Structures are given as structure tokens and as C-alpha cells.
Amino acid sequence: MVDTSARLLRLLSLLQTRREWSGAELAGRLEVSVRTVRRDVQRLRGLGYPVHAVQGCAGYRLGAGGALPPLLLDDDEAVAVAVGLRTAADGSVAGIEETSLRALAKLEQVLPSRLRHRVDALNAATVRVGGVGPAVSPQALMAIAEACRRRERLRFDYRGPRGGVTVRCVEPHRLVSFGRHWYLVAWDADRDDWRVFRVDRLAPRTPTGPRFAPREPPDGDVAAYLARRLSWRTWPWQASVVLHVPAQAAAGRVWPGMGVIEAVDGDRCLLHVGAESPADLVWMITSVGVGFTLVEGPAELAEELRAHAERCLRAVRAR
């Protein structure tokens, strides 16, 4: 009986890891006969687990039931889930903090001591710096995710960064968690171009619109596209400087989301940056730590650069 119970748990665990299993594969993993697998499947069905037969491959699939079955996790999976729940409790999705902590408490209660010590050690050794970004609604995230999955047009009210609300109609492509914010990358049907929207500023309207054919993602990579958009074009103050190093050398000095590098020749490249103020632009440009020439930017930036240079010279002369 003990062997049978342990085998049933192992069978259930295997069925949870893949969409479909053939009877022969399960028999090989469990080191039993195909006939024993069939009997064990019947036992699981008797316990209320919806194990469906798969036509064509003499296999099985665990279907969705009326209640969540016990999840059987190996050591690494259990630690990963615990860490993920802890991160979610400190995250930027509104309303799931308490839920994440309740789920984490249930998991930690049944973790073996060796795994509980690993999770506790990670939490004790981790320092979280800074706050999270604006909280987003989990309902909004789910509505957007469903529209992406179903490839259905999405209409929503969107609050711009300077106030005012507009109604937008888009073909949603991907949700991206970038830095401390959630973003939607979508094809804007009214503007006939790709656009980026802050999820905390939008309120989906129901129902969703008609289906659409998927498009190639911008730049072939939505993450790279988002980084480029956020690092330059969306900021109120923008500038371009020539860096006196090759583009490859500059790439390691510019962090994701800071700016866009454009090769000029074998010895120089262009850096496009954006920020909240001219002073921030000066900090970003000088932080690269190489020689540069200002080629495009507001007059206030030139003044800030001169003031910054004078402060640095005064600091040296004072020694």
C-alpha cells in the first residue's frame, strides 16, 4: 500500500509537468508496466483527478478540475515558488500583497526544514533598496493579458503624463515589467504605429474588440524597443552627444534604459539621452566617463555643462 501510494503521488507529479504523456513514457519513468499505469490512472480518477485519455498516442493528460489539486514540487521548484511569492508581496501589483503572504505562509508551513532554511537564508541575505513603482490593478493586467492571448483589440481610457484622458484602441502585443513599472507594447490602430503605454495609467473597457492578425514585434524584440523608447524619446529634455569611443566600447558604459547608441565610424558614436531636467542630462552624459561633444540639445543643457565644468575646476583648484 505504501508503494502504491508513493507511486500515485509520483504519477500525479509527472502529469503536472507536461501537457501529455504516453503510457509507455509513464511506465518507463515509474519503472512499472503499462498495465500498472492504467490501474494507477483509474485510482487517480477515483480520487477525483480529471485524467483524460489522449487519442492517437495511447497517453494521458491531466485536465482542469473543479478544485485545485495538490501541487507536487521538487526541492528547487518549492524554493523558486517561495522566492517568487516573497517578491510578489513586495511588488507593484495592487491587492496581491496579502494574498502572496498567505500563500507563502502555507508553503513555508509544509516545507522540509532543509528547504525552509534555504529560503530563510536568502531572505536574510537580501537587501531591497528603493520603493516600487506605481501600483497596477491585477484586473487590468489580466484583461490585457487575455486580450494578448486571444489577439483581440483592446479599448481603454488612458491618462497622459500631463493630465487629460483619451480613449485608445490598440492591438496588444506584450506586457513588459521594466524597472519599477508595467508597460503595454501595442500597435495603435488610430496612429498606425507601435506605441508604449503605462499600465497604471490605463483602464480597460469591455468588451474587447475583434480579432487581429499578429504583427512582427517592433525592432524584432519588444524589450529592446521599450528600452529605446524609455531611454530617450519620452522624456521632456533630450540631447545627442558624440562619444569619442567606438560604439562597442560605449555599449558597456550605458545601462539599459539610459540611452541609445548609434555608430558613427570606427572611432566615434552618437549617444541619445533623455531626462527630467538639463541637470539630469549632464549627470547621465558625464557618467559615461569618456570624451564627448554636444551636437544637439537645449540651450539650458549647454549652460548646465559649463556650470558643471566650473564646479569641477573649482574643486581641483581648492586643493
Protein backbone atom coordinates (compact mmCIF):
# COMPACT_ATOMS: atom_id res chain seq x y z
CA MET A 1 0.00 0.00 0.00
CA VAL A 2 2.84 2.37 0.82
CA ASP A 3 4.48 1.63 -2.55
CA THR A 4 1.21 2.17 -4.38
CA SER A 5 0.52 5.49 -2.62
CA ALA A 6 4.03 6.75 -3.32
CA ARG A 7 3.70 5.72 -6.96
CA LEU A 8 0.38 7.54 -7.27
CA LEU A 9 1.96 10.72 -5.97
CA ARG A 10 4.85 10.30 -8.42
CA LEU A 11 2.39 9.72 -11.27
CA LEU A 12 0.42 12.83 -10.34
CA SER A 13 3.64 14.84 -10.22
CA LEU A 14 4.61 13.66 -13.71
CA LEU A 15 1.19 14.51 -15.13
CA GLN A 16 1.56 18.04 -13.77
CA THR A 17 4.86 18.67 -15.55
CA ARG A 18 3.77 18.10 -19.17
CA ARG A 19 0.62 18.51 -21.18
CA GLU A 20 0.62 14.93 -22.46
CA TRP A 21 2.36 11.66 -21.60
CA SER A 22 2.22 8.36 -23.43
CA GLY A 23 1.52 5.27 -21.33
CA ALA A 24 4.92 3.86 -22.26
CA GLU A 25 6.72 7.02 -21.12
CA LEU A 26 4.96 6.98 -17.77
CA ALA A 27 5.69 3.30 -17.33
CA GLY A 28 9.38 3.93 -18.02
CA ARG A 29 9.57 6.79 -15.54
CA LEU A 30 7.76 4.81 -12.83
CA GLU A 31 9.57 1.54 -13.64
CA VAL A 32 6.31 -0.37 -13.87
CA SER A 33 4.27 -1.95 -16.65
CA VAL A 34 1.83 -0.08 -18.90
CA ARG A 35 -0.96 -2.13 -17.30
CA THR A 36 0.05 -0.82 -13.85
CA VAL A 37 -0.03 2.74 -15.20
CA ARG A 38 -3.60 2.15 -16.44
CA ARG A 39 -4.64 0.88 -12.99
CA ASP A 40 -2.99 3.85 -11.27
CA VAL A 41 -4.74 6.26 -13.63
CA GLN A 42 -8.04 4.67 -12.65
CA ARG A 43 -7.15 5.13 -8.97
CA LEU A 44 -6.43 8.83 -9.57
CA ARG A 45 -9.76 9.20 -11.35
CA GLY A 46 -11.44 7.54 -8.39
CA LEU A 47 -9.87 10.18 -6.14
CA GLY A 48 -11.38 12.93 -8.30
CA TYR A 49 -8.44 13.84 -10.55
CA PRO A 50 -9.53 14.52 -14.16
CA VAL A 51 -7.01 12.34 -16.02
CA HIS A 52 -8.07 12.21 -19.68
CA ALA A 53 -7.06 9.66 -22.30
CA VAL A 54 -5.25 11.12 -25.31
CA GLN A 55 -6.23 9.61 -28.64
CA GLY A 56 -3.52 8.69 -31.07
CA CYS A 57 -0.63 8.18 -28.66
CA ALA A 58 -2.24 5.89 -26.06
CA GLY A 59 -1.45 8.50 -23.47
CA TYR A 60 -2.87 10.66 -20.71
CA ARG A 61 -3.38 14.32 -19.86
CA LEU A 62 -4.30 15.94 -16.54
CA GLY A 63 -7.27 18.19 -17.16
CA ALA A 64 -8.66 21.11 -15.22
CA GLY A 65 -10.96 20.10 -12.41
CA GLY A 66 -13.42 21.85 -10.18
CA ALA A 67 -10.79 22.29 -7.46
CA LEU A 68 -7.06 22.86 -7.49
CA PRO A 69 -5.28 19.53 -6.96
CA PRO A 70 -2.27 19.29 -4.66
CA LEU A 71 0.84 20.56 -6.44
CA LEU A 72 3.82 18.26 -6.06
CA LEU A 73 7.06 20.25 -6.23
CA ASP A 74 10.66 19.13 -6.15
CA ASP A 75 13.15 20.96 -3.92
CA ASP A 76 14.24 23.58 -6.46
CA GLU A 77 10.65 24.23 -7.57
CA ALA A 78 9.48 24.75 -3.97
CA VAL A 79 12.28 27.25 -3.28
CA ALA A 80 11.56 29.08 -6.54
CA VAL A 81 7.86 29.41 -5.67
CA ALA A 82 8.67 30.67 -2.17
CA VAL A 83 11.06 33.30 -3.53
CA GLY A 84 8.53 34.33 -6.17
CA LEU A 85 5.79 34.77 -3.57
CA ARG A 86 8.08 36.85 -1.38
CA THR A 87 8.95 39.05 -4.35
CA ALA A 88 5.27 39.41 -5.28
CA ALA A 89 4.47 40.52 -1.74
CA ASP A 90 6.93 43.39 -2.18
CA GLY A 91 5.89 44.08 -5.78
CA SER A 92 3.93 46.65 -7.73
CA VAL A 93 0.65 44.80 -8.37
CA ALA A 94 -2.03 46.24 -6.13
CA GLY A 95 -4.04 43.95 -3.89
CA ILE A 96 -1.92 40.79 -4.10
CA GLU A 97 0.47 41.53 -1.25
CA GLU A 98 -1.69 39.94 1.45
CA THR A 99 -2.65 37.05 -0.86
CA SER A 100 1.01 36.35 -1.63
CA LEU A 101 1.90 36.35 2.07
CA ARG A 102 -0.95 33.93 2.87
CA ALA A 103 0.20 31.56 0.13
CA LEU A 104 3.81 31.91 1.30
CA ALA A 105 2.81 31.09 4.88
CA LYS A 106 1.02 27.93 3.74
CA LEU A 107 4.03 26.85 1.68
CA GLU A 108 6.59 27.54 4.41
CA GLN A 109 4.48 25.57 6.90
CA VAL A 110 4.91 22.37 4.89
CA LEU A 111 8.45 22.93 3.60
CA PRO A 112 11.03 20.48 4.93
CA SER A 113 13.45 22.14 7.33
CA ARG A 114 16.34 21.94 4.84
CA LEU A 115 14.33 23.94 2.29
CA ARG A 116 12.93 26.36 4.86
CA HIS A 117 16.50 27.16 5.89
CA ARG A 118 17.43 27.89 2.26
CA VAL A 119 14.52 30.30 1.85
CA ASP A 120 15.23 31.98 5.19
CA ALA A 121 18.92 32.33 4.30
CA LEU A 122 18.06 34.02 1.01
CA ASN A 123 15.63 36.44 2.70
CA ALA A 124 18.16 37.26 5.44
CA ALA A 125 20.93 37.89 2.90
CA THR A 126 18.80 40.07 0.60
CA VAL A 127 18.55 43.84 0.95
CA ARG A 128 15.78 45.54 -1.03
CA VAL A 129 16.66 49.11 -1.94
CA GLY A 130 14.15 51.72 -3.00
CA GLY A 131 10.42 51.57 -3.34
CA VAL A 132 8.28 50.04 -6.03
CA GLY A 133 6.66 51.91 -8.85
CA PRO A 134 3.02 52.91 -9.09
CA ALA A 135 0.70 50.04 -8.21
CA VAL A 136 -1.21 48.49 -11.09
CA SER A 137 -4.55 46.74 -10.93
CA PRO A 138 -4.38 42.94 -11.20
CA GLN A 139 -7.70 43.09 -13.04
CA ALA A 140 -6.15 45.41 -15.64
CA LEU A 141 -3.14 43.12 -16.02
CA MET A 142 -5.38 40.08 -16.53
CA ALA A 143 -7.62 41.89 -19.01
CA ILE A 144 -4.60 42.95 -21.05
CA ALA A 145 -3.02 39.51 -20.86
CA GLU A 146 -6.26 37.87 -22.04
CA ALA A 147 -6.52 40.30 -24.96
CA CYS A 148 -2.90 39.50 -25.90
CA ARG A 149 -3.57 35.77 -25.71
CA ARG A 150 -6.81 35.93 -27.68
CA ARG A 151 -5.38 38.50 -30.12
CA GLU A 152 -8.35 40.77 -29.61
CA ARG A 153 -8.32 44.55 -29.93
CA LEU A 154 -8.32 46.38 -26.63
CA ARG A 155 -10.01 49.70 -25.86
CA PHE A 156 -9.08 51.65 -22.76
CA ASP A 157 -9.11 55.06 -21.14
CA TYR A 158 -5.58 56.40 -20.95
CA ARG A 159 -4.38 59.18 -18.67
CA GLY A 160 -1.46 61.05 -20.22
CA PRO A 161 1.62 62.17 -18.24
CA ARG A 162 0.44 65.81 -18.37
CA GLY A 163 -3.17 65.07 -17.48
CA GLY A 164 -6.17 64.53 -19.69
CA VAL A 165 -7.80 61.24 -20.62
CA THR A 166 -8.15 59.80 -24.11
CA VAL A 167 -9.77 56.62 -25.42
CA ARG A 168 -7.27 54.39 -27.24
CA CYS A 169 -7.85 51.36 -29.45
CA VAL A 170 -4.86 49.04 -29.85
CA GLU A 171 -3.72 45.59 -30.89
CA PRO A 172 -1.99 44.46 -27.67
CA HIS A 173 1.30 42.60 -28.19
CA ARG A 174 3.08 42.12 -24.86
CA LEU A 175 3.10 43.21 -21.24
CA VAL A 176 6.59 44.19 -20.07
CA SER A 177 7.75 44.66 -16.49
CA PHE A 178 10.59 47.17 -16.83
CA GLY A 179 12.31 48.77 -13.86
CA ARG A 180 9.57 49.79 -11.43
CA HIS A 181 6.71 50.00 -13.95
CA TRP A 182 4.46 47.81 -16.07
CA TYR A 183 4.11 48.69 -19.75
CA LEU A 184 1.92 47.56 -22.64
CA VAL A 185 3.57 47.43 -26.06
CA ALA A 186 0.84 47.58 -28.69
CA TRP A 187 0.01 48.59 -32.24
CA ASP A 188 -2.07 51.78 -32.07
CA ALA A 189 -4.82 51.40 -34.67
CA ASP A 190 -5.60 55.13 -34.76
CA ARG A 191 -1.99 56.27 -35.15
CA ASP A 192 -0.93 53.37 -37.38
CA ASP A 193 2.27 52.78 -35.39
CA TRP A 194 3.68 50.98 -32.35
CA ARG A 195 3.15 52.68 -29.01
CA VAL A 196 4.06 52.12 -25.33
CA PHE A 197 1.51 52.64 -22.55
CA ARG A 198 1.97 52.71 -18.77
CA VAL A 199 -0.41 50.14 -17.31
CA ASP A 200 -1.00 52.17 -14.13
CA ARG A 201 -2.43 54.94 -16.34
CA LEU A 202 -4.95 52.86 -18.28
CA ALA A 203 -8.39 51.45 -17.52
CA PRO A 204 -9.55 48.70 -19.92
CA ARG A 205 -13.02 48.90 -21.42
CA THR A 206 -15.16 45.84 -22.01
CA PRO A 207 -15.93 44.01 -24.13
CA THR A 208 -12.76 43.60 -26.17
CA GLY A 209 -12.82 44.23 -29.90
CA PRO A 210 -12.46 41.99 -32.96
CA ARG A 211 -9.61 39.54 -33.52
CA PHE A 212 -6.47 40.70 -35.34
CA ALA A 213 -3.56 39.06 -37.14
CA PRO A 214 -0.33 39.27 -35.12
CA ARG A 215 2.37 41.65 -36.34
CA GLU A 216 6.12 41.35 -36.17
CA PRO A 217 7.27 42.94 -32.89
CA PRO A 218 8.99 46.33 -33.20
CA ASP A 219 12.75 46.06 -33.71
CA GLY A 220 12.25 42.29 -33.56
CA ASP A 221 12.38 42.48 -29.75
CA VAL A 222 9.80 44.26 -27.56
CA ALA A 223 12.24 44.57 -24.65
CA ALA A 224 14.85 46.35 -26.79
CA TYR A 225 12.14 48.54 -28.31
CA LEU A 226 10.82 49.53 -24.90
CA ALA A 227 14.30 50.29 -23.58
CA ARG A 228 14.97 52.53 -26.58
CA ARG A 229 11.67 54.38 -26.20
CA LEU A 230 12.04 54.91 -22.47
CA SER A 231 15.66 55.99 -22.63
CA TRP A 232 15.19 58.89 -24.97
CA ARG A 233 12.07 59.90 -26.82
CA THR A 234 9.56 60.01 -23.98
CA TRP A 235 11.50 62.44 -21.75
CA PRO A 236 10.81 66.22 -21.72
CA TRP A 237 14.54 67.09 -22.08
CA GLN A 238 16.58 65.36 -24.80
CA ALA A 239 20.10 65.60 -26.16
CA SER A 240 22.55 63.91 -28.50
CA VAL A 241 26.32 63.85 -27.98
CA VAL A 242 29.21 62.35 -29.91
CA LEU A 243 31.21 59.99 -27.72
CA HIS A 244 34.88 59.79 -28.67
CA VAL A 245 34.97 55.99 -28.46
CA PRO A 246 33.65 53.23 -30.75
CA ALA A 247 30.05 52.13 -30.27
CA GLN A 248 31.15 48.73 -28.95
CA ALA A 249 33.28 50.35 -26.24
CA ALA A 250 30.45 52.71 -25.23
CA ALA A 251 27.84 49.95 -25.01
CA GLY A 252 29.30 48.59 -21.77
CA ARG A 253 29.14 52.05 -20.17
CA VAL A 254 25.46 52.75 -20.92
CA TRP A 255 22.99 50.82 -18.77
CA PRO A 256 19.64 49.55 -20.15
CA GLY A 257 17.10 52.36 -20.32
CA MET A 258 19.72 55.12 -20.10
CA GLY A 259 20.23 55.95 -23.76
CA VAL A 260 20.51 54.81 -27.35
CA ILE A 261 23.91 54.35 -29.01
CA GLU A 262 24.33 54.87 -32.75
CA ALA A 263 27.62 54.10 -34.51
CA VAL A 264 29.25 56.95 -36.47
CA ASP A 265 32.56 55.43 -37.56
CA GLY A 266 35.30 53.24 -36.12
CA ASP A 267 36.29 55.82 -33.51
CA ARG A 268 33.05 57.59 -32.54
CA CYS A 269 29.40 57.00 -31.81
CA LEU A 270 26.29 59.02 -31.02
CA LEU A 271 24.54 58.80 -27.65
CA HIS A 272 20.90 59.93 -27.48
CA VAL A 273 19.59 60.52 -23.96
CA GLY A 274 16.52 61.94 -22.27
CA ALA A 275 15.81 63.08 -18.71
CA GLU A 276 13.58 65.12 -16.43
CA SER A 277 15.91 68.15 -16.39
CA PRO A 278 19.09 69.54 -18.03
CA ALA A 279 20.98 68.81 -14.79
CA ASP A 280 20.00 65.14 -15.07
CA LEU A 281 21.21 65.11 -18.68
CA VAL A 282 24.61 66.41 -17.54
CA TRP A 283 24.87 63.68 -14.92
CA MET A 284 23.96 60.96 -17.41
CA ILE A 285 26.33 62.16 -20.14
CA THR A 286 29.31 62.67 -17.85
CA SER A 287 28.71 59.35 -16.06
CA VAL A 288 29.76 57.52 -19.24
CA GLY A 289 33.30 58.63 -18.43
CA VAL A 290 34.62 59.35 -21.95
CA GLY A 291 35.25 62.46 -24.03
CA PHE A 292 32.20 63.85 -25.80
CA THR A 293 30.93 66.71 -27.96
CA LEU A 294 27.44 68.16 -27.64
CA VAL A 295 25.74 68.12 -31.05
CA GLU A 296 22.08 68.58 -30.21
CA GLY A 297 20.26 69.77 -27.13
CA PRO A 298 18.55 72.73 -25.46
CA ALA A 299 20.44 75.89 -24.57
CA GLU A 300 19.89 75.11 -20.90
CA LEU A 301 21.99 71.96 -21.31
CA ALA A 302 24.99 73.91 -22.56
CA GLU A 303 24.67 76.24 -19.57
CA GLU A 304 24.47 73.30 -17.17
CA LEU A 305 27.54 71.70 -18.75
CA ARG A 306 29.54 74.94 -18.30
CA ALA A 307 28.38 75.24 -14.69
CA HIS A 308 29.31 71.62 -14.03
CA ALA A 309 32.77 72.12 -15.56
CA GLU A 310 33.35 75.24 -13.44
CA ARG A 311 32.36 73.37 -10.26
CA CYS A 312 34.82 70.61 -11.09
CA LEU A 313 37.64 73.12 -11.78
CA ARG A 314 36.96 74.96 -8.54
CA ALA A 315 37.15 71.69 -6.67
CA VAL A 316 40.58 70.98 -8.18
CA ARG A 317 41.93 74.48 -7.59
CA ALA A 318 40.92 74.32 -3.93
CA ARG A 319 43.42 71.51 -3.27
